[in-house]
Amino acid sequence: MFQKCDFLLGEGDTIVVVIPARLPHAETYTLSVSDRDIRFRAGYDDIAEMPIQGAEIFRRLMNYTQVGVVEYPPNAESFPKTITNVAYIELRRAA
């Protein structure tokens, strides 16, 4: 669905995920994180996987059980003013 994402880092350890797509409809979204990669799931379906973008991102994500997600597809007229979804965070050990 997408091969990269970005992060908005705020004061303290706050973090929001920005994805270059619209998420498929699902009751829950999950961000499965290890110190090597990030996997996105919509319900039980894997929709994206990519390398993690550094230790700071991993450290911030591991401090939360949920994270805000902003959907910002390439054809969007402007950056959204609000968080568009919330994803649960699942920590994994890298294999």
PDB file of N, CA and C in Angstrom:
ATOM      1  N   MET A   1       0.812  -1.195   0.000  1.00  0.00           N
ATOM      2  CA  MET A   1       0.000   0.000   0.000  1.00  0.00           C
ATOM      3  C   MET A   1       0.859   1.264   0.000  1.00  0.00           C
ATOM      4  N   PHE A   2       1.921   1.300   0.821  1.00  0.00           N
ATOM      5  CA  PHE A   2       2.897   2.380   0.799  1.00  0.00           C
ATOM      6  C   PHE A   2       4.223   1.833   1.300  1.00  0.00           C
ATOM      7  N   GLN A   3       5.336   2.457   0.897  1.00  0.00           N
ATOM      8  CA  GLN A   3       6.665   1.955   1.235  1.00  0.00           C
ATOM      9  C   GLN A   3       7.417   2.819   2.241  1.00  0.00           C
ATOM     10  N   LYS A   4       6.835   3.956   2.609  1.00  0.00           N
ATOM     11  CA  LYS A   4       7.508   4.819   3.586  1.00  0.00           C
ATOM     12  C   LYS A   4       6.457   5.590   4.361  1.00  0.00           C
ATOM     13  N   CYS A   5       6.888   6.135   5.484  1.00  0.00           N
ATOM     14  CA  CYS A   5       6.039   7.018   6.271  1.00  0.00           C
ATOM     15  C   CYS A   5       6.949   8.058   6.916  1.00  0.00           C
ATOM     16  N   ASP A   6       6.334   9.084   7.461  1.00  0.00           N
ATOM     17  CA  ASP A   6       7.081  10.120   8.161  1.00  0.00           C
ATOM     18  C   ASP A   6       6.531  10.251   9.572  1.00  0.00           C
ATOM     19  N   PHE A   7       7.225  11.019  10.392  1.00  0.00           N
ATOM     20  CA  PHE A   7       6.819  11.185  11.782  1.00  0.00           C
ATOM     21  C   PHE A   7       6.879  12.657  12.160  1.00  0.00           C
ATOM     22  N   LEU A   8       5.889  13.085  12.925  1.00  0.00           N
ATOM     23  CA  LEU A   8       5.915  14.415  13.526  1.00  0.00           C
ATOM     24  C   LEU A   8       6.319  14.206  14.977  1.00  0.00           C
ATOM     25  N   LEU A   9       7.424  14.834  15.377  1.00  0.00           N
ATOM     26  CA  LEU A   9       7.936  14.701  16.733  1.00  0.00           C
ATOM     27  C   LEU A   9       7.627  15.976  17.490  1.00  0.00           C
ATOM     28  N   GLY A  10       6.957  15.838  18.630  1.00  0.00           N
ATOM     29  CA  GLY A  10       6.585  16.997  19.425  1.00  0.00           C
ATOM     30  C   GLY A  10       7.393  17.082  20.700  1.00  0.00           C
ATOM     31  N   GLU A  11       6.942  17.946  21.593  1.00  0.00           N
ATOM     32  CA  GLU A  11       7.616  18.122  22.872  1.00  0.00           C
ATOM     33  C   GLU A  11       7.568  16.831  23.673  1.00  0.00           C
ATOM     34  N   GLY A  12       8.549  16.674  24.542  1.00  0.00           N
ATOM     35  CA  GLY A  12       8.619  15.443  25.311  1.00  0.00           C
ATOM     36  C   GLY A  12       8.857  14.282  24.364  1.00  0.00           C
ATOM     37  N   ASP A  13       8.074  13.235  24.508  1.00  0.00           N
ATOM     38  CA  ASP A  13       8.216  12.056  23.647  1.00  0.00           C
ATOM     39  C   ASP A  13       7.049  11.884  22.689  1.00  0.00           C
ATOM     40  N   THR A  14       6.277  12.951  22.447  1.00  0.00           N
ATOM     41  CA  THR A  14       5.114  12.806  21.582  1.00  0.00           C
ATOM     42  C   THR A  14       5.531  12.505  20.149  1.00  0.00           C
ATOM     43  N   ILE A  15       4.663  11.740  19.466  1.00  0.00           N
ATOM     44  CA  ILE A  15       4.948  11.318  18.101  1.00  0.00           C
ATOM     45  C   ILE A  15       3.633  11.040  17.376  1.00  0.00           C
ATOM     46  N   VAL A  16       3.577  11.400  16.114  1.00  0.00           N
ATOM     47  CA  VAL A  16       2.435  11.131  15.244  1.00  0.00           C
ATOM     48  C   VAL A  16       2.997  10.565  13.948  1.00  0.00           C
ATOM     49  N   VAL A  17       2.329   9.547  13.392  1.00  0.00           N
ATOM     50  CA  VAL A  17       2.752   8.917  12.147  1.00  0.00           C
ATOM     51  C   VAL A  17       2.008   9.565  10.985  1.00  0.00           C
ATOM     52  N   VAL A  18       2.743   9.910   9.926  1.00  0.00           N
ATOM     53  CA  VAL A  18       2.145  10.476   8.718  1.00  0.00           C
ATOM     54  C   VAL A  18       2.356   9.471   7.590  1.00  0.00           C
ATOM     55  N   ILE A  19       1.243   8.993   7.006  1.00  0.00           N
ATOM     56  CA  ILE A  19       1.353   8.010   5.923  1.00  0.00           C
ATOM     57  C   ILE A  19       0.903   8.637   4.606  1.00  0.00           C
ATOM     58  N   PRO A  20       1.545   8.250   3.495  1.00  0.00           N
ATOM     59  CA  PRO A  20       1.213   8.826   2.185  1.00  0.00           C
ATOM     60  C   PRO A  20       0.083   8.058   1.489  1.00  0.00           C
ATOM     61  N   ALA A  21      -1.016   7.814   2.210  1.00  0.00           N
ATOM     62  CA  ALA A  21      -2.114   7.017   1.654  1.00  0.00           C
ATOM     63  C   ALA A  21      -3.343   7.177   2.524  1.00  0.00           C
ATOM     64  N   ARG A  22      -4.451   6.638   2.043  1.00  0.00           N
ATOM     65  CA  ARG A  22      -5.670   6.488   2.838  1.00  0.00           C
ATOM     66  C   ARG A  22      -5.704   5.049   3.321  1.00  0.00           C
ATOM     67  N   LEU A  23      -5.967   4.855   4.605  1.00  0.00           N
ATOM     68  CA  LEU A  23      -6.035   3.503   5.156  1.00  0.00           C
ATOM     69  C   LEU A  23      -7.305   2.801   4.692  1.00  0.00           C
ATOM     70  N   PRO A  24      -7.214   1.495   4.430  1.00  0.00           N
ATOM     71  CA  PRO A  24      -8.429   0.746   4.120  1.00  0.00           C
ATOM     72  C   PRO A  24      -9.316   0.704   5.366  1.00  0.00           C
ATOM     73  N   HIS A  25     -10.611   0.572   5.174  1.00  0.00           N
ATOM     74  CA  HIS A  25     -11.517   0.532   6.316  1.00  0.00           C
ATOM     75  C   HIS A  25     -11.225  -0.697   7.179  1.00  0.00           C
ATOM     76  N   ALA A  26     -11.136  -0.484   8.485  1.00  0.00           N
ATOM     77  CA  ALA A  26     -10.940  -1.567   9.444  1.00  0.00           C
ATOM     78  C   ALA A  26     -11.415  -1.088  10.806  1.00  0.00           C
ATOM     79  N   GLU A  27     -11.745  -2.024  11.666  1.00  0.00           N
ATOM     80  CA  GLU A  27     -12.163  -1.644  13.019  1.00  0.00           C
ATOM     81  C   GLU A  27     -10.978  -1.210  13.861  1.00  0.00           C
ATOM     82  N   THR A  28      -9.808  -1.812  13.624  1.00  0.00           N
ATOM     83  CA  THR A  28      -8.602  -1.434  14.356  1.00  0.00           C
ATOM     84  C   THR A  28      -7.415  -1.366  13.405  1.00  0.00           C
ATOM     85  N   TYR A  29      -6.468  -0.541  13.784  1.00  0.00           N
ATOM     86  CA  TYR A  29      -5.199  -0.430  13.064  1.00  0.00           C
ATOM     87  C   TYR A  29      -4.095  -0.706  14.073  1.00  0.00           C
ATOM     88  N   THR A  30      -3.042  -1.380  13.606  1.00  0.00           N
ATOM     89  CA  THR A  30      -1.928  -1.730  14.493  1.00  0.00           C
ATOM     90  C   THR A  30      -0.613  -1.352  13.831  1.00  0.00           C
ATOM     91  N   LEU A  31       0.262  -0.775  14.617  1.00  0.00           N
ATOM     92  CA  LEU A  31       1.621  -0.476  14.208  1.00  0.00           C
ATOM     93  C   LEU A  31       2.500  -1.441  14.992  1.00  0.00           C
ATOM     94  N   SER A  32       3.037  -2.450  14.322  1.00  0.00           N
ATOM     95  CA  SER A  32       3.879  -3.449  14.952  1.00  0.00           C
ATOM     96  C   SER A  32       5.324  -3.008  14.775  1.00  0.00           C
ATOM     97  N   VAL A  33       6.018  -2.757  15.886  1.00  0.00           N
ATOM     98  CA  VAL A  33       7.321  -2.084  15.851  1.00  0.00           C
ATOM     99  C   VAL A  33       8.406  -2.955  16.477  1.00  0.00           C
ATOM    100  N   SER A  34       9.553  -3.034  15.794  1.00  0.00           N
ATOM    101  CA  SER A  34      10.760  -3.606  16.388  1.00  0.00           C
ATOM    102  C   SER A  34      11.868  -2.579  16.204  1.00  0.00           C
ATOM    103  N   ASP A  35      13.045  -2.882  16.703  1.00  0.00           N
ATOM    104  CA  ASP A  35      14.151  -1.932  16.520  1.00  0.00           C
ATOM    105  C   ASP A  35      14.676  -1.937  15.089  1.00  0.00           C
ATOM    106  N   ARG A  36      14.099  -2.786  14.219  1.00  0.00           N
ATOM    107  CA  ARG A  36      14.522  -2.857  12.818  1.00  0.00           C
ATOM    108  C   ARG A  36      13.463  -2.399  11.820  1.00  0.00           C
ATOM    109  N   ASP A  37      12.177  -2.673  12.135  1.00  0.00           N
ATOM    110  CA  ASP A  37      11.146  -2.340  11.145  1.00  0.00           C
ATOM    111  C   ASP A  37       9.812  -1.983  11.782  1.00  0.00           C
ATOM    112  N   ILE A  38       8.924  -1.491  10.933  1.00  0.00           N
ATOM    113  CA  ILE A  38       7.567  -1.125  11.317  1.00  0.00           C
ATOM    114  C   ILE A  38       6.631  -1.838  10.344  1.00  0.00           C
ATOM    115  N   ARG A  39       5.569  -2.432  10.881  1.00  0.00           N
ATOM    116  CA  ARG A  39       4.551  -3.079  10.049  1.00  0.00           C
ATOM    117  C   ARG A  39       3.195  -2.467  10.392  1.00  0.00           C
ATOM    118  N   PHE A  40       2.436  -2.161   9.372  1.00  0.00           N
ATOM    119  CA  PHE A  40       1.097  -1.619   9.553  1.00  0.00           C
ATOM    120  C   PHE A  40       0.077  -2.711   9.254  1.00  0.00           C
ATOM    121  N   ARG A  41      -0.948  -2.820  10.110  1.00  0.00           N
ATOM    122  CA  ARG A  41      -2.042  -3.748   9.862  1.00  0.00           C
ATOM    123  C   ARG A  41      -3.361  -3.001   9.950  1.00  0.00           C
ATOM    124  N   ALA A  42      -4.268  -3.355   9.047  1.00  0.00           N
ATOM    125  CA  ALA A  42      -5.654  -2.903   9.098  1.00  0.00           C
ATOM    126  C   ALA A  42      -6.460  -4.133   9.452  1.00  0.00           C
ATOM    127  N   GLY A  43      -7.000  -4.182  10.659  1.00  0.00           N
ATOM    128  CA  GLY A  43      -7.627  -5.414  11.135  1.00  0.00           C
ATOM    129  C   GLY A  43      -6.558  -6.479  11.240  1.00  0.00           C
ATOM    130  N   TYR A  44      -6.735  -7.606  10.538  1.00  0.00           N
ATOM    131  CA  TYR A  44      -5.742  -8.686  10.541  1.00  0.00           C
ATOM    132  C   TYR A  44      -4.865  -8.682   9.293  1.00  0.00           C
ATOM    133  N   ASP A  45      -5.071  -7.721   8.403  1.00  0.00           N
ATOM    134  CA  ASP A  45      -4.353  -7.686   7.132  1.00  0.00           C
ATOM    135  C   ASP A  45      -3.116  -6.791   7.200  1.00  0.00           C
ATOM    136  N   ASP A  46      -1.961  -7.341   6.827  1.00  0.00           N
ATOM    137  CA  ASP A  46      -0.744  -6.537   6.703  1.00  0.00           C
ATOM    138  C   ASP A  46      -0.902  -5.625   5.494  1.00  0.00           C
ATOM    139  N   ILE A  47      -0.645  -4.328   5.684  1.00  0.00           N
ATOM    140  CA  ILE A  47      -0.800  -3.400   4.561  1.00  0.00           C
ATOM    141  C   ILE A  47       0.486  -2.671   4.190  1.00  0.00           C
ATOM    142  N   ALA A  48       1.488  -2.668   5.077  1.00  0.00           N
ATOM    143  CA  ALA A  48       2.753  -2.005   4.750  1.00  0.00           C
ATOM    144  C   ALA A  48       3.832  -2.462   5.719  1.00  0.00           C
ATOM    145  N   GLU A  49       5.069  -2.445   5.225  1.00  0.00           N
ATOM    146  CA  GLU A  49       6.229  -2.779   6.053  1.00  0.00           C
ATOM    147  C   GLU A  49       7.412  -1.980   5.543  1.00  0.00           C
ATOM    148  N   MET A  50       8.214  -1.456   6.479  1.00  0.00           N
ATOM    149  CA  MET A  50       9.379  -0.664   6.103  1.00  0.00           C
ATOM    150  C   MET A  50      10.393  -0.657   7.244  1.00  0.00           C
ATOM    151  N   PRO A  51      11.655  -0.345   6.936  1.00  0.00           N
ATOM    152  CA  PRO A  51      12.656  -0.221   8.007  1.00  0.00           C
ATOM    153  C   PRO A  51      12.298   0.944   8.927  1.00  0.00           C
ATOM    154  N   ILE A  52      12.644   0.814  10.198  1.00  0.00           N
ATOM    155  CA  ILE A  52      12.397   1.920  11.130  1.00  0.00           C
ATOM    156  C   ILE A  52      13.416   3.021  10.864  1.00  0.00           C
ATOM    157  N   GLN A  53      13.042   4.237  11.142  1.00  0.00           N
ATOM    158  CA  GLN A  53      13.867   5.392  10.797  1.00  0.00           C
ATOM    159  C   GLN A  53      14.726   5.885  11.962  1.00  0.00           C
ATOM    160  N   GLY A  54      15.306   4.984  12.716  1.00  0.00           N
ATOM    161  CA  GLY A  54      16.238   5.382  13.755  1.00  0.00           C
ATOM    162  C   GLY A  54      15.779   5.076  15.169  1.00  0.00           C
ATOM    163  N   ALA A  55      16.734   5.130  16.081  1.00  0.00           N
ATOM    164  CA  ALA A  55      16.498   4.779  17.475  1.00  0.00           C
ATOM    165  C   ALA A  55      15.536   5.744  18.159  1.00  0.00           C
ATOM    166  N   GLU A  56      15.552   7.005  17.794  1.00  0.00           N
ATOM    167  CA  GLU A  56      14.655   7.992  18.412  1.00  0.00           C
ATOM    168  C   GLU A  56      13.190   7.652  18.127  1.00  0.00           C
ATOM    169  N   ILE A  57      12.891   7.257  16.906  1.00  0.00           N
ATOM    170  CA  ILE A  57      11.521   6.875  16.537  1.00  0.00           C
ATOM    171  C   ILE A  57      11.099   5.648  17.349  1.00  0.00           C
ATOM    172  N   PHE A  58      11.942   4.635  17.391  1.00  0.00           N
ATOM    173  CA  PHE A  58      11.644   3.420  18.153  1.00  0.00           C
ATOM    174  C   PHE A  58      11.437   3.754  19.631  1.00  0.00           C
ATOM    175  N   ARG A  59      12.315   4.553  20.212  1.00  0.00           N
ATOM    176  CA  ARG A  59      12.218   4.916  21.630  1.00  0.00           C
ATOM    177  C   ARG A  59      10.895   5.610  21.928  1.00  0.00           C
ATOM    178  N   ARG A  60      10.500   6.542  21.071  1.00  0.00           N
ATOM    179  CA  ARG A  60       9.236   7.252  21.300  1.00  0.00           C
ATOM    180  C   ARG A  60       8.040   6.327  21.164  1.00  0.00           C
ATOM    181  N   LEU A  61       8.024   5.503  20.129  1.00  0.00           N
ATOM    182  CA  LEU A  61       6.884   4.614  19.912  1.00  0.00           C
ATOM    183  C   LEU A  61       6.723   3.609  21.047  1.00  0.00           C
ATOM    184  N   MET A  62       7.831   3.116  21.600  1.00  0.00           N
ATOM    185  CA  MET A  62       7.723   2.094  22.634  1.00  0.00           C
ATOM    186  C   MET A  62       7.171   2.645  23.948  1.00  0.00           C
ATOM    187  N   ASN A  63       7.045   3.965  24.069  1.00  0.00           N
ATOM    188  CA  ASN A  63       6.495   4.575  25.278  1.00  0.00           C
ATOM    189  C   ASN A  63       4.973   4.658  25.283  1.00  0.00           C
ATOM    190  N   TYR A  64       4.330   4.279  24.189  1.00  0.00           N
ATOM    191  CA  TYR A  64       2.879   4.443  24.074  1.00  0.00           C
ATOM    192  C   TYR A  64       2.194   3.136  23.698  1.00  0.00           C
ATOM    193  N   THR A  65       0.888   3.064  23.971  1.00  0.00           N
ATOM    194  CA  THR A  65       0.083   1.921  23.545  1.00  0.00           C
ATOM    195  C   THR A  65      -0.707   2.267  22.279  1.00  0.00           C
ATOM    196  N   GLN A  66      -0.845   3.559  21.991  1.00  0.00           N
ATOM    197  CA  GLN A  66      -1.532   4.012  20.779  1.00  0.00           C
ATOM    198  C   GLN A  66      -0.779   5.206  20.210  1.00  0.00           C
ATOM    199  N   VAL A  67      -0.944   5.404  18.902  1.00  0.00           N
ATOM    200  CA  VAL A  67      -0.298   6.536  18.238  1.00  0.00           C
ATOM    201  C   VAL A  67      -1.284   7.128  17.231  1.00  0.00           C
ATOM    202  N   GLY A  68      -1.235   8.443  17.088  1.00  0.00           N
ATOM    203  CA  GLY A  68      -2.062   9.106  16.087  1.00  0.00           C
ATOM    204  C   GLY A  68      -1.493   8.887  14.696  1.00  0.00           C
ATOM    205  N   VAL A  69      -2.390   8.755  13.715  1.00  0.00           N
ATOM    206  CA  VAL A  69      -2.001   8.561  12.322  1.00  0.00           C
ATOM    207  C   VAL A  69      -2.665   9.656  11.491  1.00  0.00           C
ATOM    208  N   VAL A  70      -1.875  10.298  10.655  1.00  0.00           N
ATOM    209  CA  VAL A  70      -2.389  11.295   9.724  1.00  0.00           C
ATOM    210  C   VAL A  70      -2.262  10.728   8.319  1.00  0.00           C
ATOM    211  N   GLU A  71      -3.384  10.649   7.607  1.00  0.00           N
ATOM    212  CA  GLU A  71      -3.386  10.177   6.224  1.00  0.00           C
ATOM    213  C   GLU A  71      -3.171  11.386   5.313  1.00  0.00           C
ATOM    214  N   TYR A  72      -2.093  11.340   4.550  1.00  0.00           N
ATOM    215  CA  TYR A  72      -1.738  12.458   3.660  1.00  0.00           C
ATOM    216  C   TYR A  72      -1.355  11.893   2.297  1.00  0.00           C
ATOM    217  N   PRO A  73      -2.357  11.483   1.501  1.00  0.00           N
ATOM    218  CA  PRO A  73      -2.063  10.900   0.188  1.00  0.00           C
ATOM    219  C   PRO A  73      -1.476  11.932  -0.765  1.00  0.00           C
ATOM    220  N   PRO A  74      -0.749  11.483  -1.781  1.00  0.00           N
ATOM    221  CA  PRO A  74      -0.097  12.400  -2.722  1.00  0.00           C
ATOM    222  C   PRO A  74      -1.049  13.385  -3.407  1.00  0.00           C
ATOM    223  N   ASN A  75      -2.303  13.022  -3.610  1.00  0.00           N
ATOM    224  CA  ASN A  75      -3.239  13.905  -4.297  1.00  0.00           C
ATOM    225  C   ASN A  75      -3.990  14.857  -3.362  1.00  0.00           C
ATOM    226  N   ALA A  76      -3.655  14.869  -2.077  1.00  0.00           N
ATOM    227  CA  ALA A  76      -4.339  15.747  -1.119  1.00  0.00           C
ATOM    228  C   ALA A  76      -4.037  17.213  -1.431  1.00  0.00           C
ATOM    229  N   GLU A  77      -5.057  18.041  -1.283  1.00  0.00           N
ATOM    230  CA  GLU A  77      -4.895  19.472  -1.567  1.00  0.00           C
ATOM    231  C   GLU A  77      -4.087  20.189  -0.495  1.00  0.00           C
ATOM    232  N   SER A  78      -4.225  19.749   0.760  1.00  0.00           N
ATOM    233  CA  SER A  78      -3.470  20.368   1.850  1.00  0.00           C
ATOM    234  C   SER A  78      -3.257  19.341   2.955  1.00  0.00           C
ATOM    235  N   PHE A  79      -2.307  19.639   3.826  1.00  0.00           N
ATOM    236  CA  PHE A  79      -2.015  18.736   4.934  1.00  0.00           C
ATOM    237  C   PHE A  79      -3.192  18.764   5.911  1.00  0.00           C
ATOM    238  N   PRO A  80      -3.662  17.605   6.382  1.00  0.00           N
ATOM    239  CA  PRO A  80      -4.796  17.571   7.316  1.00  0.00           C
ATOM    240  C   PRO A  80      -4.493  18.351   8.595  1.00  0.00           C
ATOM    241  N   LYS A  81      -5.517  18.961   9.143  1.00  0.00           N
ATOM    242  CA  LYS A  81      -5.361  19.744  10.369  1.00  0.00           C
ATOM    243  C   LYS A  81      -5.557  18.917  11.626  1.00  0.00           C
ATOM    244  N   THR A  82      -5.996  17.662  11.456  1.00  0.00           N
ATOM    245  CA  THR A  82      -6.248  16.789  12.602  1.00  0.00           C
ATOM    246  C   THR A  82      -5.689  15.388  12.338  1.00  0.00           C
ATOM    247  N   ILE A  83      -5.570  14.635  13.410  1.00  0.00           N
ATOM    248  CA  ILE A  83      -5.211  13.224  13.309  1.00  0.00           C
ATOM    249  C   ILE A  83      -6.407  12.508  12.700  1.00  0.00           C
ATOM    250  N   THR A  84      -6.182  11.666  11.703  1.00  0.00           N
ATOM    251  CA  THR A  84      -7.287  11.027  10.994  1.00  0.00           C
ATOM    252  C   THR A  84      -7.616   9.629  11.513  1.00  0.00           C
ATOM    253  N   ASN A  85      -6.690   8.963  12.196  1.00  0.00           N
ATOM    254  CA  ASN A  85      -6.922   7.640  12.779  1.00  0.00           C
ATOM    255  C   ASN A  85      -6.000   7.440  13.973  1.00  0.00           C
ATOM    256  N   VAL A  86      -6.249   6.372  14.697  1.00  0.00           N
ATOM    257  CA  VAL A  86      -5.396   5.977  15.814  1.00  0.00           C
ATOM    258  C   VAL A  86      -5.027   4.511  15.605  1.00  0.00           C
ATOM    259  N   ALA A  87      -3.758   4.183  15.854  1.00  0.00           N
ATOM    260  CA  ALA A  87      -3.293   2.796  15.718  1.00  0.00           C
ATOM    261  C   ALA A  87      -2.746   2.323  17.063  1.00  0.00           C
ATOM    262  N   TYR A  88      -3.030   1.063  17.382  1.00  0.00           N
ATOM    263  CA  TYR A  88      -2.421   0.450  18.557  1.00  0.00           C
ATOM    264  C   TYR A  88      -0.962   0.157  18.245  1.00  0.00           C
ATOM    265  N   ILE A  89      -0.119   0.233  19.259  1.00  0.00           N
ATOM    266  CA  ILE A  89       1.299  -0.081  19.088  1.00  0.00           C
ATOM    267  C   ILE A  89       1.571  -1.449  19.701  1.00  0.00           C
ATOM    268  N   GLU A  90       2.200  -2.302  18.906  1.00  0.00           N
ATOM    269  CA  GLU A  90       2.597  -3.639  19.337  1.00  0.00           C
ATOM    270  C   GLU A  90       4.117  -3.705  19.221  1.00  0.00           C
ATOM    271  N   LEU A  91       4.795  -3.975  20.332  1.00  0.00           N
ATOM    272  CA  LEU A  91       6.257  -4.083  20.307  1.00  0.00           C
ATOM    273  C   LEU A  91       6.666  -5.518  20.000  1.00  0.00           C
ATOM    274  N   ARG A  92       7.639  -5.679  19.107  1.00  0.00           N
ATOM    275  CA  ARG A  92       8.157  -6.999  18.736  1.00  0.00           C
ATOM    276  C   ARG A  92       9.652  -7.031  18.942  1.00  0.00           C
ATOM    277  N   ARG A  93      10.172  -8.207  19.153  1.00  0.00           N
ATOM    278  CA  ARG A  93      11.623  -8.403  19.107  1.00  0.00           C
ATOM    279  C   ARG A  93      11.997  -8.712  17.679  1.00  0.00           C
ATOM    280  N   ALA A  94      13.046  -8.089  17.190  1.00  0.00           N
ATOM    281  CA  ALA A  94      13.510  -8.357  15.817  1.00  0.00           C
ATOM    282  C   ALA A  94      14.042  -9.771  15.750  1.00  0.00           C
ATOM    283  N   ALA A  95      13.733 -10.462  14.672  1.00  0.00           N
ATOM    284  CA  ALA A  95      14.196 -11.855  14.512  1.00  0.00           C
ATOM    285  C   ALA A  95      15.618 -11.907  14.018  1.00  0.00           C
TER     286      ALA A  95
END
